[in-house]
Amino acid sequence: MHDLIIRGGTVVDGTGEPPRTADIAIDGNRVAEVGDLAGVAAHRTIDADGAIVAPGFVDVHAHYDGQATWDSRLLPSAWHGVTTVVFGNCGVGFAPVHTHHHNRLVELMEGVEDIPGTALHEGLSWAWESFEDYLDALDSRPHDIDFAAHVPHGALRLYVMGERGADHTERATAEEIGRMGELVRRGVAAGAVGFATSRTTNHKSSKGEPIPTLTAAREELVGIATEMGRTGKGVFQIVSDLGSMEDEFETFRTMMAVSGRPMSISLAGGRSAGGRTAGYHQILAAIDAAVADGFEMRAQVPTRAIGVLLGLQATLNPFMRCSTFKSSLAALGLADRVAAMRREDVREALLREVEAMAMYGDGTYHRIFSLGDPPDYEPPASASVDARARAAGVTPAELIYDLLLEDEGRALLYSPVLSWVDGNLDAVREMLVHPRTIPGLSDGGAHVGTICDGSFPTSLLTHWCRDRSRGERLDLAFAVKAQSRDTAVAVGLTDRGLLAPGFKADLNVIDFEGLTLHAPQMSYDLPAGGKRLLQKVDGYLHTIVSGQETYTNGTPTEALPGRLVRNFA
């Protein structure tokens, strides 16, 4: 008798093969059988007739480094069919760490990933110094989903080099490089999924300081890679401005050559504006060339445009730099802020000030839209603030002002930035179907006041496989494979991402036609009352982790089978 049988569902098994009707039997935390199991008994059955049964999704780019230490539920990702997340990305994290650098790492995470510093100070126990101790602290708390962690270069550099690690005129000595390499080797041997670093000027601390790893020399990265290679495990995750394509890719190739380990880099296409070109074709071509030369290299790409949410509760809004807002409104709670903004004198002052500041004279209004509920992440040009304002005979600023006050000030505007090329998502599709890319960059757990992209896996199903009307869609079997098996393999978690005997029993039973993504809402449930955007979804009927049901129709069960993943290829 099996522990659980899921009967009669349309199985999309993660191989990329066409869906088929089948039953799935689970014993313990593994899939036992897939096929026609009529007459076979089980302690429990789930009727999946009319629903899709898919592997649990693996999200390789999240930032639950702090949240996972104090919270057993890794929301919003767990709401969106994700059963395994990887964090420690972009070189930011909380170990290894000396006591006197606690504030430094909080400032770094707050600035790079927009996680409230007050929440981090309140929530982090700092019951660790080494990365190995940090993993043990994570492992001591049960969770709703599995997770894995990179050794973050930013924390590592400060730990070894002290304040010199954040000084971009300094270079690591040979001894310091050796020490960093040793710590990465030990971290990976203890269970880290790999090593992550950032080389982008977009990443700054809450004080505006560039991330410590920005100017790390090739010798430093290669030295670390050499030591990680000695474990025979681990992957590299890198975000870079790629200011010098040839030089950066030479560094990447050398890291892979000395270590024999895979690498993924973050990739988001640009936008056509003011003569800018997308640039992603060149990067994909460089990855193709590296693969042709024997390197295992991928790009992590988004499943929709990377943009920002603007609102009176959000971190950003179009009037936040106006003197009237800063002096009279910024400190108010939402209800009082809305009441004040409904006064005509406040309205006139803010509109006059925002026009005088000329912040939106570069065509930005063409790229601001009402988000809506359900959200539209590929809106037409006719839905832009600019187009709607012209049609209504008002200025864009006037329209934005009124839109922000909708739903008692809870309304959100959406401004797509990266991967929004020529006003549509064709570039996203082109990147998603490239053979050397995987879905990523959701940043689950991060940018909590400006985005809510932990819902990327749901968008992959709803927008790309069912709803898209402005271009080609994607095949459902392709999308499921990309978000489950391909992402799992990319980070060495080869025991999951497939619905086949012997594989980990992580899966979703999904009402595909009823799958509905709702607009993000602000919640104030982080430590110290910190705020974060959370995005709910209807249609995930059952989410199962290690053979245990963790969510039923989006409602949590008492099961917390999620654990730190230490065993990988």
Protein backbone atom coordinates (compact mmCIF):
# COMPACT_ATOMS: atom_id res chain seq x y z
CA MET A 1 0.00 0.00 0.00
CA HIS A 2 1.37 3.39 -1.02
CA ASP A 3 1.38 6.44 1.23
CA LEU A 4 -0.29 8.65 -1.38
CA ILE A 5 -1.69 8.26 -4.88
CA ILE A 6 -2.59 11.25 -7.05
CA ARG A 7 -5.13 9.88 -9.48
CA GLY A 8 -6.20 10.80 -12.97
CA GLY A 9 -4.28 14.02 -13.47
CA THR A 10 -2.75 15.34 -16.67
CA VAL A 11 0.89 14.67 -15.88
CA VAL A 12 3.46 17.16 -17.20
CA ASP A 13 6.45 15.31 -15.89
CA GLY A 14 9.36 17.72 -16.37
CA THR A 15 10.99 15.82 -19.24
CA GLY A 16 9.49 18.07 -21.90
CA GLU A 17 7.43 15.20 -23.27
CA PRO A 18 3.72 15.84 -24.05
CA PRO A 19 1.27 15.69 -21.15
CA ARG A 20 -0.43 12.36 -20.46
CA THR A 21 -3.08 11.06 -18.11
CA ALA A 22 -1.50 9.01 -15.31
CA ASP A 23 -1.56 8.24 -11.61
CA ILE A 24 1.39 9.00 -9.34
CA ALA A 25 2.21 6.96 -6.26
CA ILE A 26 4.37 8.34 -3.46
CA ASP A 27 6.08 6.47 -0.64
CA GLY A 28 7.87 8.55 1.97
CA ASN A 29 9.61 11.41 0.21
CA ARG A 30 9.99 9.69 -3.18
CA VAL A 31 7.89 9.01 -6.23
CA ALA A 32 7.24 5.25 -6.31
CA GLU A 33 5.25 4.70 -9.50
CA VAL A 34 3.81 6.67 -12.43
CA GLY A 35 1.18 5.04 -14.65
CA ASP A 36 -2.21 3.34 -14.47
CA LEU A 37 -2.60 2.46 -10.81
CA ALA A 38 -6.29 1.52 -10.86
CA GLY A 39 -6.97 -0.93 -8.07
CA VAL A 40 -3.74 -0.06 -6.24
CA ALA A 41 -4.40 1.00 -2.64
CA ALA A 42 -3.03 3.99 -0.75
CA HIS A 43 -3.43 5.52 2.68
CA ARG A 44 -4.54 8.72 0.99
CA THR A 45 -5.63 9.67 -2.51
CA ILE A 46 -5.97 13.01 -4.29
CA ASP A 47 -8.38 13.24 -7.22
CA ALA A 48 -6.53 15.23 -9.89
CA ASP A 49 -9.04 14.68 -12.71
CA GLY A 50 -9.13 17.84 -14.83
CA ALA A 51 -5.97 19.22 -13.22
CA ILE A 52 -2.32 19.33 -14.24
CA VAL A 53 0.21 17.46 -12.12
CA ALA A 54 3.71 18.92 -12.42
CA PRO A 55 6.99 18.71 -10.53
CA GLY A 56 7.60 21.26 -7.84
CA PHE A 57 9.30 24.34 -9.25
CA VAL A 58 12.94 25.09 -8.49
CA ASP A 59 13.72 28.81 -8.18
CA VAL A 60 17.47 29.30 -8.41
CA HIS A 61 17.57 33.04 -7.70
CA ALA A 62 16.05 34.11 -4.39
CA HIS A 63 17.18 36.10 -1.34
CA TYR A 64 15.71 34.42 1.73
CA ASP A 65 19.10 34.55 3.49
CA GLY A 66 17.66 36.38 6.49
CA GLN A 67 14.02 35.35 6.35
CA ALA A 68 14.88 31.65 6.40
CA THR A 69 16.57 32.09 9.78
CA TRP A 70 13.43 33.44 11.48
CA ASP A 71 10.50 32.30 9.33
CA SER A 72 9.43 28.74 8.56
CA ARG A 73 7.37 29.87 5.57
CA LEU A 74 9.30 31.20 2.60
CA LEU A 75 6.62 33.43 1.12
CA PRO A 76 5.80 34.51 -1.47
CA SER A 77 7.67 31.74 -3.34
CA ALA A 78 5.89 28.86 -1.58
CA TRP A 79 2.52 30.19 -2.82
CA HIS A 80 3.66 29.89 -6.44
CA GLY A 81 4.41 26.21 -6.76
CA VAL A 82 8.05 26.59 -5.73
CA THR A 83 9.29 23.66 -3.66
CA THR A 84 13.04 24.48 -3.69
CA VAL A 85 14.74 27.89 -3.64
CA VAL A 86 18.39 28.89 -3.84
CA PHE A 87 19.59 32.02 -2.05
CA GLY A 88 22.91 33.73 -1.34
CA ASN A 89 22.79 35.09 -4.89
CA CYS A 90 24.48 38.30 -6.06
CA GLY A 91 27.25 37.92 -3.48
CA VAL A 92 25.15 39.16 -0.54
CA GLY A 93 24.42 37.18 2.60
CA PHE A 94 25.15 36.90 6.30
CA ALA A 95 28.08 34.51 6.66
CA PRO A 96 30.91 34.23 7.29
CA VAL A 97 30.86 37.25 9.58
CA HIS A 98 32.71 38.87 12.43
CA THR A 99 30.54 40.45 15.11
CA HIS A 100 31.76 43.92 14.27
CA HIS A 101 30.54 43.51 10.66
CA HIS A 102 26.90 42.68 11.48
CA ASN A 103 25.78 46.21 10.59
CA ARG A 104 27.85 46.17 7.41
CA LEU A 105 26.11 43.06 6.08
CA VAL A 106 22.68 44.40 7.02
CA GLU A 107 23.42 47.65 5.18
CA LEU A 108 24.60 45.67 2.19
CA MET A 109 21.49 43.47 2.04
CA GLU A 110 19.22 46.44 2.66
CA GLY A 111 20.77 48.44 -0.14
CA VAL A 112 21.24 45.71 -2.73
CA GLU A 113 18.02 43.80 -2.12
CA ASP A 114 15.64 46.39 -0.59
CA ILE A 115 14.96 44.41 2.59
CA PRO A 116 14.22 46.72 5.56
CA GLY A 117 17.24 47.05 7.79
CA THR A 118 15.00 47.29 10.85
CA ALA A 119 13.53 43.86 10.01
CA LEU A 120 16.97 42.36 9.53
CA HIS A 121 18.29 43.81 12.80
CA GLU A 122 15.25 42.49 14.65
CA GLY A 123 15.06 39.11 12.94
CA LEU A 124 18.66 37.94 12.65
CA SER A 125 19.97 36.05 15.66
CA TRP A 126 23.59 36.08 14.46
CA ALA A 127 24.04 32.69 16.13
CA TRP A 128 26.92 31.93 13.78
CA GLU A 129 30.26 33.16 12.56
CA SER A 130 31.40 30.65 9.96
CA PHE A 131 29.38 29.75 6.90
CA GLU A 132 29.17 26.19 8.18
CA ASP A 133 27.56 27.44 11.40
CA TYR A 134 25.14 29.54 9.34
CA LEU A 135 24.06 26.42 7.45
CA ASP A 136 23.53 24.62 10.75
CA ALA A 137 21.37 27.50 11.99
CA LEU A 138 19.26 27.31 8.84
CA ASP A 139 18.99 23.56 9.17
CA SER A 140 17.74 23.79 12.74
CA ARG A 141 14.40 25.32 11.69
CA PRO A 142 11.81 23.35 9.69
CA HIS A 143 10.42 25.07 6.61
CA ASP A 144 7.60 24.71 4.12
CA ILE A 145 9.98 24.22 1.17
CA ASP A 146 13.55 23.07 0.58
CA PHE A 147 16.35 25.58 0.14
CA ALA A 148 20.04 25.78 -0.69
CA ALA A 149 22.54 28.58 -0.19
CA HIS A 150 25.58 30.02 -1.98
CA VAL A 151 28.66 31.28 -0.17
CA PRO A 152 28.31 35.05 -0.76
CA HIS A 153 31.43 36.86 -1.93
CA GLY A 154 30.52 40.16 -0.25
CA ALA A 155 30.42 38.67 3.24
CA LEU A 156 33.47 36.54 2.51
CA ARG A 157 35.55 39.50 1.39
CA LEU A 158 34.75 41.56 4.50
CA TYR A 159 35.44 38.57 6.72
CA VAL A 160 38.92 37.99 5.29
CA MET A 161 40.01 41.51 4.32
CA GLY A 162 38.22 43.59 6.94
CA GLU A 163 37.44 47.16 5.88
CA ARG A 164 39.94 46.80 3.04
CA GLY A 165 37.43 44.43 1.45
CA ALA A 166 35.08 47.36 0.84
CA ASP A 167 37.83 49.70 -0.38
CA HIS A 168 37.94 49.58 -4.17
CA THR A 169 41.45 50.95 -4.32
CA GLU A 170 42.67 47.81 -2.53
CA ARG A 171 43.46 44.38 -3.94
CA ALA A 172 43.39 41.10 -2.06
CA THR A 173 46.84 39.72 -1.30
CA ALA A 174 47.82 36.20 -2.28
CA GLU A 175 47.37 35.13 1.33
CA GLU A 176 43.88 36.67 1.48
CA ILE A 177 42.89 35.03 -1.80
CA GLY A 178 44.06 31.71 -0.42
CA ARG A 179 42.03 32.24 2.74
CA MET A 180 38.89 33.15 0.76
CA GLY A 181 39.35 30.08 -1.40
CA GLU A 182 39.75 27.87 1.65
CA LEU A 183 36.54 29.22 3.21
CA VAL A 184 34.59 28.68 -0.01
CA ARG A 185 35.94 25.13 -0.27
CA ARG A 186 34.90 24.45 3.30
CA GLY A 187 31.50 26.02 2.76
CA VAL A 188 30.79 23.93 -0.33
CA ALA A 189 32.04 20.80 1.38
CA ALA A 190 29.62 21.55 4.24
CA GLY A 191 26.68 21.92 1.88
CA ALA A 192 26.74 25.28 0.09
CA VAL A 193 25.37 24.97 -3.43
CA GLY A 194 28.13 27.18 -4.78
CA PHE A 195 29.71 30.64 -4.78
CA ALA A 196 28.01 33.88 -5.82
CA THR A 197 29.44 37.29 -6.63
CA SER A 198 28.35 40.65 -8.03
CA ARG A 199 30.20 42.90 -10.43
CA THR A 200 27.54 45.51 -11.12
CA THR A 201 27.41 49.17 -10.14
CA ASN A 202 23.66 48.77 -9.58
CA HIS A 203 24.39 46.99 -6.30
CA LYS A 204 25.06 49.40 -3.46
CA SER A 205 24.69 49.37 0.30
CA SER A 206 22.00 51.41 2.02
CA LYS A 207 24.66 54.11 2.42
CA GLY A 208 25.23 54.22 -1.34
CA GLU A 209 28.56 52.40 -1.24
CA PRO A 210 29.34 49.99 -4.10
CA ILE A 211 29.17 46.31 -3.25
CA PRO A 212 32.57 45.14 -1.91
CA THR A 213 33.02 42.64 -4.74
CA LEU A 214 32.61 45.14 -7.58
CA THR A 215 36.30 45.49 -8.38
CA ALA A 216 37.61 42.11 -7.24
CA ALA A 217 40.51 41.22 -9.52
CA ARG A 218 40.60 38.21 -11.83
CA GLU A 219 43.30 36.66 -9.66
CA GLU A 220 40.93 36.71 -6.68
CA LEU A 221 38.03 35.09 -8.52
CA VAL A 222 40.26 32.49 -10.15
CA GLY A 223 41.91 31.67 -6.82
CA ILE A 224 38.51 31.12 -5.20
CA ALA A 225 37.38 29.04 -8.19
CA THR A 226 40.46 26.86 -7.97
CA GLU A 227 39.74 25.96 -4.37
CA MET A 228 36.05 25.34 -4.98
CA GLY A 229 37.01 23.01 -7.82
CA ARG A 230 38.85 20.78 -5.36
CA THR A 231 35.50 19.72 -3.89
CA GLY A 232 34.18 18.48 -7.23
CA LYS A 233 30.93 20.24 -6.34
CA GLY A 234 29.26 23.60 -6.57
CA VAL A 235 28.23 26.16 -9.15
CA PHE A 236 29.10 29.81 -9.77
CA GLN A 237 26.43 32.51 -9.89
CA ILE A 238 27.49 35.89 -11.21
CA VAL A 239 25.85 39.20 -11.98
CA SER A 240 27.98 41.63 -13.96
CA ASP A 241 27.60 44.84 -15.94
CA LEU A 242 29.77 43.19 -18.61
CA GLY A 243 31.28 46.59 -19.32
CA SER A 244 34.10 44.84 -21.12
CA MET A 245 32.61 41.71 -22.65
CA GLU A 246 35.89 40.20 -23.73
CA ASP A 247 37.64 40.78 -20.43
CA GLU A 248 34.74 39.59 -18.26
CA PHE A 249 34.18 36.45 -20.28
CA GLU A 250 37.88 35.68 -20.11
CA THR A 251 37.57 35.80 -16.33
CA PHE A 252 34.48 33.59 -16.42
CA ARG A 253 36.14 31.07 -18.72
CA THR A 254 39.23 30.91 -16.54
CA MET A 255 37.12 30.32 -13.42
CA MET A 256 35.35 27.43 -15.12
CA ALA A 257 38.58 26.07 -16.56
CA VAL A 258 40.46 25.89 -13.24
CA SER A 259 37.49 24.49 -11.33
CA GLY A 260 35.64 22.34 -13.83
CA ARG A 261 32.39 23.71 -12.37
CA PRO A 262 29.28 25.21 -14.07
CA MET A 263 28.40 28.89 -14.10
CA SER A 264 25.26 30.94 -14.60
CA ILE A 265 25.14 34.67 -15.19
CA SER A 266 22.19 37.01 -14.84
CA LEU A 267 20.78 38.28 -18.12
CA ALA A 268 17.98 40.73 -18.74
CA GLY A 269 17.54 42.39 -22.12
CA GLY A 270 17.61 46.17 -22.28
CA ARG A 271 14.94 48.44 -23.68
CA SER A 272 14.82 50.35 -26.93
CA ALA A 273 14.99 53.99 -25.90
CA GLY A 274 17.26 56.81 -26.95
CA GLY A 275 19.22 54.56 -29.30
CA ARG A 276 19.96 51.84 -26.77
CA THR A 277 20.08 48.31 -28.06
CA ALA A 278 19.05 45.16 -26.25
CA GLY A 279 22.53 43.62 -26.00
CA TYR A 280 21.34 40.20 -24.91
CA HIS A 281 22.10 38.67 -28.32
CA GLN A 282 25.79 39.38 -27.84
CA ILE A 283 25.80 37.82 -24.37
CA LEU A 284 23.94 34.72 -25.54
CA ALA A 285 26.41 34.37 -28.40
CA ALA A 286 29.32 34.55 -25.94
CA ILE A 287 27.70 31.84 -23.82
CA ASP A 288 27.18 29.69 -26.93
CA ALA A 289 30.87 30.10 -27.77
CA ALA A 290 31.90 29.11 -24.24
CA VAL A 291 29.70 26.00 -24.42
CA ALA A 292 31.16 25.10 -27.82
CA ASP A 293 34.59 25.23 -26.16
CA GLY A 294 33.52 22.74 -23.52
CA PHE A 295 32.37 24.99 -20.66
CA GLU A 296 29.07 24.45 -18.85
CA MET A 297 27.57 27.91 -18.86
CA ARG A 298 24.02 29.26 -18.69
CA ALA A 299 22.15 32.53 -18.36
CA GLN A 300 19.41 33.11 -15.82
CA VAL A 301 16.62 35.08 -17.49
CA PRO A 302 13.33 36.54 -16.21
CA THR A 303 9.90 35.27 -17.20
CA ARG A 304 8.54 38.80 -17.60
CA ALA A 305 10.01 42.28 -17.65
CA ILE A 306 12.00 43.40 -14.63
CA GLY A 307 10.34 46.58 -13.47
CA VAL A 308 9.29 48.52 -10.40
CA LEU A 309 5.99 48.95 -8.61
CA LEU A 310 5.05 52.50 -7.66
CA GLY A 311 2.53 53.32 -4.96
CA LEU A 312 1.78 55.26 -1.82
CA GLN A 313 2.68 52.20 0.26
CA ALA A 314 5.63 51.17 -1.89
CA THR A 315 9.24 52.23 -1.50
CA LEU A 316 8.89 54.42 -4.60
CA ASN A 317 6.23 56.78 -5.90
CA PRO A 318 6.40 59.53 -8.53
CA PHE A 319 6.01 62.34 -5.98
CA MET A 320 8.43 61.15 -3.31
CA ARG A 321 11.14 63.69 -4.22
CA CYS A 322 8.80 66.66 -4.11
CA SER A 323 9.41 68.98 -1.17
CA THR A 324 5.75 68.94 -0.11
CA PHE A 325 5.74 65.14 -0.01
CA LYS A 326 8.99 64.95 1.95
CA SER A 327 8.00 67.63 4.47
CA SER A 328 4.31 66.90 4.96
CA LEU A 329 3.40 63.43 3.72
CA ALA A 330 6.33 61.01 3.98
CA ALA A 331 5.93 60.42 7.73
CA LEU A 332 2.17 59.89 7.59
CA GLY A 333 0.39 56.55 7.69
CA LEU A 334 -1.48 55.53 4.57
CA ALA A 335 -4.94 56.76 5.61
CA ASP A 336 -3.66 60.18 6.67
CA ARG A 337 -1.50 60.42 3.56
CA VAL A 338 -4.48 59.71 1.32
CA ALA A 339 -6.65 62.19 3.19
CA ALA A 340 -4.00 64.91 2.81
CA MET A 341 -3.46 64.19 -0.89
CA ARG A 342 -7.19 64.59 -1.53
CA ARG A 343 -6.94 68.21 -0.46
CA GLU A 344 -6.78 70.55 -3.42
CA ASP A 345 -3.93 72.64 -2.04
CA VAL A 346 -1.73 69.57 -1.58
CA ARG A 347 -2.64 68.32 -5.06
CA GLU A 348 -1.75 71.66 -6.66
CA ALA A 349 1.55 71.86 -4.79
CA LEU A 350 2.68 68.34 -5.70
CA LEU A 351 1.72 68.67 -9.36
CA ARG A 352 3.50 72.01 -9.60
CA GLU A 353 6.64 70.62 -7.94
CA VAL A 354 6.83 67.41 -9.97
CA GLU A 355 6.47 69.42 -13.19
CA ALA A 356 9.19 71.85 -12.10
CA MET A 357 11.52 68.96 -11.29
CA ALA A 358 11.06 67.58 -14.83
CA MET A 359 11.75 64.07 -13.60
CA TYR A 360 9.65 62.48 -16.29
CA GLY A 361 10.73 64.31 -19.41
CA ASP A 362 12.53 61.33 -20.98
CA GLY A 363 9.51 59.34 -22.12
CA THR A 364 9.09 57.61 -18.79
CA TYR A 365 5.32 58.14 -18.89
CA HIS A 366 5.23 55.83 -21.89
CA ARG A 367 6.46 53.07 -19.58
CA ILE A 368 4.13 53.55 -16.62
CA PHE A 369 0.89 51.57 -16.46
CA SER A 370 -1.83 50.73 -13.98
CA LEU A 371 -0.97 47.25 -12.75
CA GLY A 372 -4.56 46.06 -12.40
CA ASP A 373 -6.01 42.99 -10.71
CA PRO A 374 -5.33 40.54 -12.20
CA PRO A 375 -2.10 42.27 -13.25
CA ASP A 376 -1.23 42.82 -16.89
CA TYR A 377 2.54 42.44 -17.31
CA GLU A 378 2.47 42.99 -21.08
CA PRO A 379 0.19 46.00 -21.47
CA PRO A 380 -0.22 47.71 -24.86
CA ALA A 381 1.09 51.20 -25.51
CA SER A 382 -2.48 52.49 -25.46
CA ALA A 383 -2.66 51.59 -21.74
CA SER A 384 0.33 53.74 -20.77
CA VAL A 385 -0.11 56.77 -18.55
CA ASP A 386 1.02 58.96 -21.43
CA ALA A 387 -1.58 57.58 -23.86
CA ARG A 388 -4.40 57.60 -21.33
CA ALA A 389 -3.61 61.14 -20.22
CA ARG A 390 -3.67 62.43 -23.80
CA ALA A 391 -6.97 60.67 -24.40
CA ALA A 392 -8.45 62.19 -21.23
CA GLY A 393 -7.08 65.67 -21.89
CA VAL A 394 -5.05 65.83 -18.68
CA THR A 395 -1.34 65.79 -17.94
CA PRO A 396 0.35 62.47 -17.16
CA ALA A 397 1.17 63.72 -13.66
CA GLU A 398 -2.49 64.52 -13.02
CA LEU A 399 -3.53 61.05 -14.12
CA ILE A 400 -0.85 59.37 -12.01
CA TYR A 401 -1.95 61.39 -8.99
CA ASP A 402 -5.51 60.14 -9.33
CA LEU A 403 -4.44 56.56 -10.01
CA LEU A 404 -2.33 56.44 -6.86
CA LEU A 405 -5.34 57.39 -4.74
CA GLU A 406 -7.46 54.51 -6.02
CA ASP A 407 -8.36 51.70 -3.61
CA GLU A 408 -7.75 54.07 -0.69
CA GLY A 409 -4.14 54.56 -1.76
CA ARG A 410 -3.36 50.87 -2.21
CA ALA A 411 -3.28 50.95 -6.01
CA LEU A 412 -0.02 50.12 -7.74
CA LEU A 413 1.53 51.37 -10.95
CA TYR A 414 3.92 49.24 -12.96
CA SER A 415 6.97 50.47 -14.84
CA PRO A 416 8.77 47.76 -16.84
CA VAL A 417 12.46 48.49 -17.33
CA LEU A 418 14.71 45.59 -18.32
CA SER A 419 13.58 42.98 -20.86
CA TRP A 420 10.92 45.42 -22.04
CA VAL A 421 12.14 45.88 -25.59
CA ASP A 422 9.97 47.75 -28.12
CA GLY A 423 7.07 47.77 -25.69
CA ASN A 424 6.49 44.03 -25.51
CA LEU A 425 7.91 40.77 -24.15
CA ASP A 426 9.22 39.28 -27.40
CA ALA A 427 12.77 39.58 -26.07
CA VAL A 428 11.78 37.64 -22.94
CA ARG A 429 10.42 34.83 -25.08
CA GLU A 430 13.55 34.82 -27.22
CA MET A 431 15.71 34.50 -24.11
CA LEU A 432 13.52 31.83 -22.52
CA VAL A 433 13.66 29.51 -25.53
CA HIS A 434 17.43 29.79 -25.96
CA PRO A 435 19.00 26.37 -25.22
CA ARG A 436 21.48 27.80 -22.70
CA THR A 437 19.07 29.72 -20.47
CA ILE A 438 16.98 28.88 -17.43
CA PRO A 439 14.23 30.88 -15.71
CA GLY A 440 15.63 32.92 -12.85
CA LEU A 441 15.98 36.39 -11.35
CA SER A 442 12.73 36.25 -9.37
CA ASP A 443 14.50 37.69 -6.31
CA GLY A 444 11.95 36.02 -4.02
CA GLY A 445 12.26 37.53 -0.56
CA ALA A 446 13.98 40.70 -1.83
CA HIS A 447 13.08 44.14 -3.18
CA VAL A 448 10.10 43.80 -0.92
CA GLY A 449 8.86 47.36 -1.38
CA THR A 450 9.46 47.73 -5.12
CA ILE A 451 8.73 44.41 -6.85
CA CYS A 452 7.02 41.09 -6.21
CA ASP A 453 8.68 38.85 -8.77
CA GLY A 454 8.58 35.71 -6.65
CA SER A 455 5.51 35.05 -8.81
CA PHE A 456 7.68 34.55 -11.93
CA PRO A 457 6.93 30.78 -12.02
CA THR A 458 3.20 31.47 -12.11
CA SER A 459 3.63 34.03 -14.91
CA LEU A 460 5.53 31.40 -16.87
CA LEU A 461 2.41 29.23 -16.83
CA THR A 462 -0.38 31.78 -17.05
CA HIS A 463 1.03 34.40 -19.39
CA TRP A 464 3.26 32.33 -21.61
CA CYS A 465 1.31 29.07 -21.84
CA ARG A 466 -2.29 30.29 -21.71
CA ASP A 467 -3.04 34.01 -21.86
CA ARG A 468 -0.57 35.84 -24.07
CA SER A 469 -2.28 37.76 -26.89
CA ARG A 470 0.53 40.01 -28.15
CA GLY A 471 2.76 37.33 -29.65
CA GLU A 472 3.75 33.69 -29.59
CA ARG A 473 3.15 31.58 -26.51
CA LEU A 474 5.19 28.73 -25.05
CA ASP A 475 4.40 25.03 -24.87
CA LEU A 476 3.32 23.96 -21.38
CA ALA A 477 5.63 20.93 -21.29
CA PHE A 478 8.58 23.15 -22.26
CA ALA A 479 7.76 25.69 -19.55
CA VAL A 480 7.36 23.09 -16.80
CA LYS A 481 10.65 21.43 -17.76
CA ALA A 482 12.41 24.80 -17.76
CA GLN A 483 11.14 25.76 -14.28
CA SER A 484 11.64 22.36 -12.67
CA ARG A 485 14.15 19.95 -14.19
CA ASP A 486 16.32 22.48 -16.01
CA THR A 487 16.69 24.76 -13.01
CA ALA A 488 17.34 21.81 -10.69
CA VAL A 489 20.08 20.39 -12.91
CA ALA A 490 21.66 23.83 -13.33
CA VAL A 491 22.49 23.97 -9.62
CA GLY A 492 23.31 20.29 -9.22
CA LEU A 493 20.06 19.25 -7.50
CA THR A 494 19.63 16.24 -9.74
CA ASP A 495 17.26 14.34 -7.42
CA ARG A 496 14.26 16.57 -8.22
CA GLY A 497 12.38 18.29 -11.01
CA LEU A 498 10.98 15.08 -12.57
CA LEU A 499 7.89 13.01 -11.88
CA ALA A 500 9.51 9.60 -12.22
CA PRO A 501 10.20 6.69 -9.86
CA GLY A 502 13.02 7.41 -7.42
CA PHE A 503 12.84 11.17 -7.72
CA LYS A 504 11.96 13.46 -4.84
CA ALA A 505 8.21 13.72 -4.28
CA ASP A 506 7.90 17.48 -4.82
CA LEU A 507 4.92 18.33 -7.01
CA ASN A 508 1.95 20.57 -7.71
CA VAL A 509 -1.63 19.75 -8.64
CA ILE A 510 -2.77 22.78 -10.62
CA ASP A 511 -6.12 24.01 -11.92
CA PHE A 512 -4.50 25.35 -15.08
CA GLU A 513 -7.57 27.13 -16.43
CA GLY A 514 -8.33 28.63 -13.03
CA LEU A 515 -4.75 29.68 -12.26
CA THR A 516 -5.10 33.38 -11.42
CA LEU A 517 -2.39 35.75 -10.30
CA HIS A 518 -3.64 38.59 -8.10
CA ALA A 519 -2.17 42.04 -7.66
CA PRO A 520 0.50 42.35 -4.95
CA GLN A 521 -0.61 43.72 -1.62
CA MET A 522 1.49 45.32 1.08
CA SER A 523 1.86 43.34 4.27
CA TYR A 524 3.50 44.54 7.48
CA ASP A 525 4.50 41.14 8.82
CA LEU A 526 8.30 41.28 8.78
CA PRO A 527 10.15 41.61 12.08
CA ALA A 528 9.81 45.06 13.66
CA GLY A 529 6.67 45.58 11.57
CA GLY A 530 8.66 45.75 8.33
CA LYS A 531 6.66 45.87 5.13
CA ARG A 532 6.77 43.63 2.09
CA LEU A 533 4.72 43.08 -1.04
CA LEU A 534 3.06 39.67 -1.20
CA GLN A 535 1.25 38.31 -4.24
CA LYS A 536 -1.41 35.65 -3.87
CA VAL A 537 -2.57 33.22 -6.51
CA ASP A 538 -5.54 30.93 -7.03
CA GLY A 539 -5.22 27.57 -8.73
CA TYR A 540 -2.49 25.66 -6.91
CA LEU A 541 -4.80 22.98 -5.55
CA HIS A 542 -2.14 20.92 -3.77
CA THR A 543 1.56 21.58 -3.25
CA ILE A 544 3.56 18.62 -1.97
CA VAL A 545 7.11 18.70 -0.61
CA SER A 546 8.93 15.47 0.22
CA GLY A 547 5.63 13.60 -0.02
CA GLN A 548 3.81 15.90 2.43
CA GLU A 549 1.13 18.39 1.46
CA THR A 550 2.24 21.86 2.50
CA TYR A 551 -0.46 24.01 0.87
CA THR A 552 -4.05 23.25 -0.11
CA ASN A 553 -5.63 25.89 -2.35
CA GLY A 554 -3.02 28.33 -1.07
CA THR A 555 -3.79 27.62 2.59
CA PRO A 556 -0.88 26.24 4.63
CA THR A 557 -1.12 22.86 6.27
CA GLU A 558 0.74 21.98 9.45
CA ALA A 559 3.43 20.10 7.53
CA LEU A 560 6.89 21.67 7.40
CA PRO A 561 9.02 19.10 5.56
CA GLY A 562 11.35 21.62 3.90
CA ARG A 563 15.02 21.33 4.75
CA LEU A 564 18.42 22.70 3.81
CA VAL A 565 19.68 20.79 0.78
CA ARG A 566 23.28 19.76 1.28
CA ASN A 567 23.62 16.85 -1.12
CA PHE A 568 24.16 17.82 -4.73
CA ALA A 569 26.27 16.93 -7.74
